[in-house]
N, C-alpha and C. Protein backbone atom coordinates (compact mmCIF):
# COMPACT_ATOMS: atom_id res chain seq x y z
N MET A 1 -42.89 20.55 -21.49
CA MET A 1 -42.03 21.04 -22.38
C MET A 1 -41.44 22.68 -21.44
N SER A 2 -41.85 23.11 -20.64
CA SER A 2 -42.16 24.58 -20.47
C SER A 2 -40.45 23.92 -19.63
N SER A 3 -40.04 23.08 -18.99
CA SER A 3 -38.89 22.60 -17.61
C SER A 3 -38.00 22.22 -19.04
N LEU A 4 -38.06 21.77 -19.88
CA LEU A 4 -37.34 21.62 -21.22
C LEU A 4 -36.34 23.12 -21.59
N LEU A 5 -37.56 23.88 -22.00
CA LEU A 5 -37.09 25.32 -22.44
C LEU A 5 -36.18 25.94 -20.88
N ASP A 6 -36.90 25.84 -20.02
CA ASP A 6 -35.96 26.05 -18.87
C ASP A 6 -34.31 25.29 -19.00
N PHE A 7 -34.45 24.28 -17.98
CA PHE A 7 -33.34 23.82 -18.49
C PHE A 7 -32.12 24.49 -19.60
N LEU A 8 -32.71 23.96 -20.93
CA LEU A 8 -31.84 24.80 -21.86
C LEU A 8 -31.36 26.95 -22.07
N ASP A 9 -32.59 27.12 -21.27
CA ASP A 9 -32.31 28.14 -20.95
C ASP A 9 -30.59 28.87 -20.27
N SER A 10 -31.12 27.64 -18.71
CA SER A 10 -30.24 28.12 -17.70
C SER A 10 -29.10 27.69 -18.18
N VAL A 11 -29.29 26.72 -19.42
CA VAL A 11 -27.72 26.50 -19.79
C VAL A 11 -27.09 27.36 -20.87
N ALA A 12 -27.94 27.92 -21.73
CA ALA A 12 -27.05 29.17 -22.58
C ALA A 12 -26.41 30.57 -21.90
N VAL A 13 -26.91 30.40 -20.76
CA VAL A 13 -26.83 31.31 -19.99
C VAL A 13 -25.97 31.07 -18.93
N ASN A 14 -24.97 29.97 -19.31
CA ASN A 14 -24.09 29.51 -17.91
C ASN A 14 -24.46 29.35 -16.84
N LYS A 15 -26.16 29.12 -16.38
CA LYS A 15 -26.33 29.13 -15.40
C LYS A 15 -26.60 27.56 -14.79
N PRO A 16 -25.78 27.39 -13.63
CA PRO A 16 -26.22 25.55 -13.12
C PRO A 16 -27.94 25.16 -13.64
N ALA A 17 -27.81 23.97 -13.89
CA ALA A 17 -29.34 23.54 -13.80
C ALA A 17 -29.84 23.53 -12.56
N ILE A 18 -28.73 23.11 -11.40
CA ILE A 18 -29.30 22.72 -10.36
C ILE A 18 -28.42 23.02 -9.32
N ALA A 19 -28.84 23.73 -8.56
CA ALA A 19 -28.04 24.97 -7.25
C ALA A 19 -27.61 23.70 -6.12
N LEU A 20 -26.08 23.61 -6.09
CA LEU A 20 -25.93 23.13 -5.43
C LEU A 20 -25.50 23.60 -4.21
N ASP A 21 -25.71 23.41 -2.56
CA ASP A 21 -24.93 24.46 -1.96
C ASP A 21 -24.21 23.58 -0.96
N THR A 22 -22.96 24.71 -1.52
CA THR A 22 -21.66 24.22 -1.16
C THR A 22 -20.74 25.02 0.57
N SER A 23 -21.20 26.29 0.64
CA SER A 23 -20.98 26.64 1.55
C SER A 23 -20.90 26.42 3.00
N ASP A 24 -21.83 25.25 3.42
CA ASP A 24 -21.12 24.48 4.81
C ASP A 24 -19.83 23.18 4.90
N LYS A 25 -19.59 23.21 3.92
CA LYS A 25 -18.57 21.97 4.02
C LYS A 25 -16.87 21.93 3.86
N LYS A 26 -16.60 22.23 4.58
CA LYS A 26 -15.01 22.75 4.85
C LYS A 26 -14.26 21.16 4.81
N VAL A 27 -13.24 21.29 4.35
CA VAL A 27 -12.03 20.56 4.16
C VAL A 27 -10.97 20.69 5.02
N VAL A 28 -11.56 19.71 5.89
CA VAL A 28 -10.03 19.82 6.96
C VAL A 28 -9.34 18.70 7.05
N PRO A 29 -8.00 18.64 7.21
CA PRO A 29 -6.66 17.94 7.18
C PRO A 29 -6.85 16.70 8.68
N PRO A 30 -6.57 15.38 7.87
CA PRO A 30 -6.25 14.75 8.79
C PRO A 30 -5.50 14.96 10.27
N SER A 31 -5.92 14.19 11.23
CA SER A 31 -4.81 14.47 12.16
C SER A 31 -3.31 13.66 12.04
N ASN A 32 -2.43 13.83 12.62
CA ASN A 32 -1.10 12.68 12.50
C ASN A 32 -1.54 11.53 13.20
N ALA A 33 -2.64 10.94 14.15
CA ALA A 33 -3.08 9.61 13.83
C ALA A 33 -3.85 9.41 13.44
N ALA A 34 -5.04 10.62 13.33
CA ALA A 34 -5.98 10.08 11.67
C ALA A 34 -5.37 9.40 10.41
N ALA A 35 -3.86 10.50 9.91
CA ALA A 35 -3.10 10.01 9.23
C ALA A 35 -2.56 8.48 9.03
N SER A 36 -2.36 8.26 9.86
CA SER A 36 -1.49 6.99 10.22
C SER A 36 -1.85 6.20 9.74
N ALA A 37 -3.22 6.13 10.42
CA ALA A 37 -4.96 5.17 10.30
C ALA A 37 -5.00 4.65 9.07
N LEU A 38 -4.36 5.53 8.32
CA LEU A 38 -4.45 5.43 6.92
C LEU A 38 -3.61 4.94 5.93
N GLN A 39 -2.53 4.82 6.88
CA GLN A 39 -1.77 4.08 6.33
C GLN A 39 -1.77 2.41 5.90
N ILE A 40 -2.53 1.35 6.03
CA ILE A 40 -2.35 0.21 6.14
C ILE A 40 -0.97 -0.19 5.27
N SER A 41 -1.14 -1.48 6.61
CA SER A 41 0.32 -2.52 5.89
C SER A 41 -0.21 -4.21 6.24
N PRO A 42 0.06 -4.90 5.60
CA PRO A 42 -0.59 -5.86 5.69
C PRO A 42 0.08 -6.85 6.49
N ALA A 43 0.00 -7.83 7.37
CA ALA A 43 0.28 -8.51 8.10
C ALA A 43 1.74 -9.34 7.23
N PHE A 44 1.21 -10.22 6.16
CA PHE A 44 1.80 -11.00 5.39
C PHE A 44 1.85 -10.54 4.56
N THR A 45 3.40 -11.01 3.38
CA THR A 45 2.87 -10.51 1.95
C THR A 45 3.57 -11.46 1.15
N ARG A 46 2.83 -12.64 -0.06
CA ARG A 46 3.41 -13.51 -0.54
C ARG A 46 5.13 -13.50 -1.54
N PHE A 47 5.55 -14.25 -0.81
CA PHE A 47 7.45 -14.27 -1.65
C PHE A 47 7.46 -14.25 -3.02
N PRO A 48 7.70 -12.90 -4.00
CA PRO A 48 7.69 -12.55 -4.82
C PRO A 48 8.24 -13.89 -5.61
N ARG A 49 7.39 -14.45 -7.06
CA ARG A 49 7.85 -15.10 -8.03
C ARG A 49 9.43 -14.94 -8.64
N PRO A 50 10.18 -15.73 -9.45
CA PRO A 50 11.36 -15.64 -9.94
C PRO A 50 11.50 -14.12 -10.72
N GLY A 51 12.08 -13.58 -11.12
CA GLY A 51 12.27 -12.11 -11.58
C GLY A 51 11.59 -10.94 -10.96
N GLN A 52 10.61 -11.47 -10.27
CA GLN A 52 10.00 -10.02 -9.61
C GLN A 52 10.57 -9.57 -7.96
N ARG A 53 10.06 -8.40 -7.70
CA ARG A 53 10.72 -8.17 -6.27
C ARG A 53 9.32 -8.16 -5.56
N GLU A 54 9.74 -8.06 -4.18
CA GLU A 54 8.42 -7.98 -2.71
C GLU A 54 8.05 -6.58 -3.48
N PRO A 55 6.48 -6.21 -3.43
CA PRO A 55 5.92 -4.54 -3.78
C PRO A 55 6.56 -3.95 -2.35
N PHE A 56 6.65 -3.96 -1.33
CA PHE A 56 6.64 -3.27 -0.20
C PHE A 56 7.97 -2.87 -0.04
N SER A 57 8.91 -3.75 -0.15
CA SER A 57 10.19 -3.37 0.24
C SER A 57 10.90 -3.27 -1.01
N GLY A 58 10.87 -3.67 -2.25
CA GLY A 58 11.64 -3.87 -3.07
C GLY A 58 12.59 -4.79 -3.39
N LEU A 59 12.76 -5.46 -2.54
CA LEU A 59 13.54 -6.46 -2.25
C LEU A 59 13.61 -7.62 -3.28
N CYS A 60 14.43 -8.57 -3.87
CA CYS A 60 14.38 -9.51 -4.89
C CYS A 60 14.63 -10.58 -4.25
N ARG A 61 14.26 -11.60 -4.34
CA ARG A 61 14.34 -13.62 -3.93
C ARG A 61 15.32 -13.40 -2.95
N SER A 62 16.85 -13.50 -3.59
CA SER A 62 17.91 -13.55 -2.99
C SER A 62 18.12 -12.72 -1.65
N GLN A 63 17.80 -11.67 -1.67
CA GLN A 63 17.61 -11.28 -0.81
C GLN A 63 17.55 -11.25 0.63
N LEU A 64 15.83 -11.55 0.14
CA LEU A 64 14.75 -12.46 1.45
C LEU A 64 15.60 -13.42 1.37
N PHE A 65 16.17 -14.72 0.83
CA PHE A 65 16.01 -15.65 1.08
C PHE A 65 17.37 -15.44 2.17
N ALA A 66 18.25 -14.51 2.03
CA ALA A 66 19.39 -14.61 2.91
C ALA A 66 19.14 -14.04 4.33
N LEU A 67 17.71 -12.85 4.32
CA LEU A 67 17.36 -12.46 5.18
C LEU A 67 16.68 -13.60 6.50
N ILE A 68 15.77 -14.26 5.56
CA ILE A 68 14.85 -15.25 6.31
C ILE A 68 15.97 -16.25 6.97
N LYS A 69 17.10 -16.49 6.26
CA LYS A 69 18.10 -17.54 6.73
C LYS A 69 18.97 -17.08 7.83
N SER A 70 18.99 -15.81 7.96
CA SER A 70 19.83 -15.43 8.90
C SER A 70 18.92 -15.56 10.41
N GLY A 71 17.43 -15.31 10.13
CA GLY A 71 17.04 -15.24 11.31
C GLY A 71 15.95 -14.49 11.21
N ARG A 72 16.59 -13.01 10.95
CA ARG A 72 15.96 -11.91 11.07
C ARG A 72 15.03 -11.55 10.09
N VAL A 73 14.48 -12.39 9.44
CA VAL A 73 13.09 -12.37 8.82
C VAL A 73 12.73 -13.52 9.17
N LYS A 74 10.89 -13.59 9.37
CA LYS A 74 9.88 -14.54 9.58
C LYS A 74 9.11 -14.74 8.50
N SER A 75 9.26 -16.69 8.36
CA SER A 75 8.49 -16.59 7.08
C SER A 75 7.36 -18.25 7.81
N HIS A 76 6.61 -17.97 6.94
CA HIS A 76 5.73 -18.80 7.06
C HIS A 76 5.58 -19.70 6.01
N SER A 77 5.47 -21.30 5.87
CA SER A 77 5.29 -22.32 4.09
C SER A 77 3.53 -22.78 4.34
N LEU A 78 2.63 -22.02 4.00
CA LEU A 78 1.65 -22.29 4.32
C LEU A 78 1.94 -23.95 2.99
N LYS A 79 1.36 -25.09 3.35
CA LYS A 79 1.67 -26.31 2.02
C LYS A 79 0.22 -26.99 3.06
N THR A 80 -0.57 -27.23 1.96
CA THR A 80 -1.33 -28.77 3.05
C THR A 80 -0.60 -30.25 2.51
N PRO A 81 -1.18 -31.40 3.61
CA PRO A 81 -0.81 -32.12 4.24
C PRO A 81 -0.17 -33.76 2.65
N GLY A 82 1.00 -33.95 2.37
CA GLY A 82 0.79 -34.65 0.81
C GLY A 82 1.09 -33.48 -0.42
N ALA A 83 1.42 -32.37 -0.39
CA ALA A 83 1.46 -31.82 -1.49
C ALA A 83 2.98 -31.14 -1.29
N THR A 84 3.69 -30.82 -3.05
CA THR A 84 4.65 -30.62 -3.47
C THR A 84 4.91 -29.31 -3.40
N ARG A 85 4.55 -28.54 -3.36
CA ARG A 85 4.19 -27.16 -3.99
C ARG A 85 3.74 -26.74 -2.26
N GLY A 86 3.75 -25.53 -1.78
CA GLY A 86 2.98 -24.12 -0.70
C GLY A 86 2.77 -22.84 -1.55
N VAL A 87 2.82 -22.12 -0.47
CA VAL A 87 2.98 -20.68 -0.79
C VAL A 87 3.92 -20.58 0.32
N ARG A 88 4.92 -19.64 -0.12
CA ARG A 88 5.40 -18.84 1.23
C ARG A 88 4.98 -17.64 1.93
N LEU A 89 4.51 -17.31 3.22
CA LEU A 89 4.74 -16.00 3.74
C LEU A 89 5.61 -15.32 4.41
N ILE A 90 5.83 -14.03 4.32
CA ILE A 90 7.02 -13.73 4.75
C ILE A 90 6.19 -12.21 5.75
N ASP A 91 6.51 -12.62 7.04
CA ASP A 91 6.27 -11.36 7.84
C ASP A 91 6.69 -10.22 8.04
N CYS A 92 5.28 -9.04 7.59
CA CYS A 92 5.91 -7.63 6.98
C CYS A 92 6.69 -7.36 8.43
N ALA A 93 5.88 -7.44 9.44
CA ALA A 93 6.41 -6.99 10.82
C ALA A 93 7.93 -6.71 11.06
N SER A 94 8.32 -7.97 11.05
CA SER A 94 9.78 -8.42 10.84
C SER A 94 10.83 -8.06 9.67
N LEU A 95 9.93 -8.04 8.27
CA LEU A 95 10.79 -7.01 7.39
C LEU A 95 11.14 -6.39 7.74
N ARG A 96 10.06 -5.18 7.78
CA ARG A 96 10.45 -3.31 8.05
C ARG A 96 11.31 -3.75 9.29
N ALA A 97 11.12 -4.50 10.56
CA ALA A 97 12.53 -4.07 11.66
C ALA A 97 13.77 -4.77 11.05
N ALA A 98 13.72 -5.60 10.08
CA ALA A 98 15.22 -6.09 9.69
C ALA A 98 15.99 -4.44 8.82
N ILE A 99 14.90 -4.30 8.18
CA ILE A 99 15.08 -3.36 7.18
C ILE A 99 15.53 -2.05 7.66
N GLU A 100 15.18 -2.16 8.83
CA GLU A 100 15.06 -0.39 9.52
C GLU A 100 16.64 -0.85 10.68
N SER A 101 16.72 -2.25 10.58
CA SER A 101 17.97 -2.12 11.66
C SER A 101 19.31 -1.89 10.82
N PHE A 102 19.14 -2.02 10.17
CA PHE A 102 20.52 -1.57 8.64
C PHE A 102 20.94 -0.14 9.25
N GLY A 103 19.83 0.54 9.45
CA GLY A 103 20.40 2.38 9.48
C GLY A 103 20.99 2.70 8.57
N ASP A 104 21.46 4.23 8.91
CA ASP A 104 22.37 4.95 8.08
C ASP A 104 24.18 4.70 8.61
N GLY A 105 24.03 3.91 9.71
CA GLY A 105 25.40 3.95 10.60
C GLY A 105 25.82 2.88 9.52
N GLN A 106 26.00 1.46 8.66
CA GLN A 106 26.45 0.78 8.36
C GLN A 106 26.38 1.43 6.60
N GLN A 107 27.53 1.49 5.81
CA GLN A 107 28.09 1.90 4.58
C GLN A 107 28.75 0.30 4.17
N ARG A 108 28.42 0.22 2.77
CA ARG A 108 28.42 -1.16 2.00
C ARG A 108 29.90 -0.61 1.74
N GLY A 109 31.03 -1.80 1.70
CA GLY A 109 32.21 -2.04 1.01
C GLY A 109 33.00 -1.20 0.21
N GLY A 110 34.08 -0.48 0.07
CA GLY A 110 33.92 0.32 -0.39
C GLY A 110 33.31 1.86 -1.52
N GLU A 111 32.68 2.15 0.13
CA GLU A 111 31.98 2.83 -0.29
C GLU A 111 32.31 3.93 0.51
């Protein structure tokens, strides 16, 4: 019973019931190498469903089809033998390289 009264007394005078020692904890920002290691990028992403965009690049299906057809972006179809449907995966590294190859030098027609 006395521990309950001690607890209520500590709350009444705004003292913490449990003393926490935070004096030895220091926040150190990550180095550039550690920060880049925290940016996880998948090797493959699934082709978006109709009406949706690819989540990492924001490109729509028609833009992705055009890049795949031109050979700039690699893709792989996972389909079991005899199946009519499968899953198309896009290689994220080639997609990133294709996007970066456009660069700032190219402008759209009419601009």
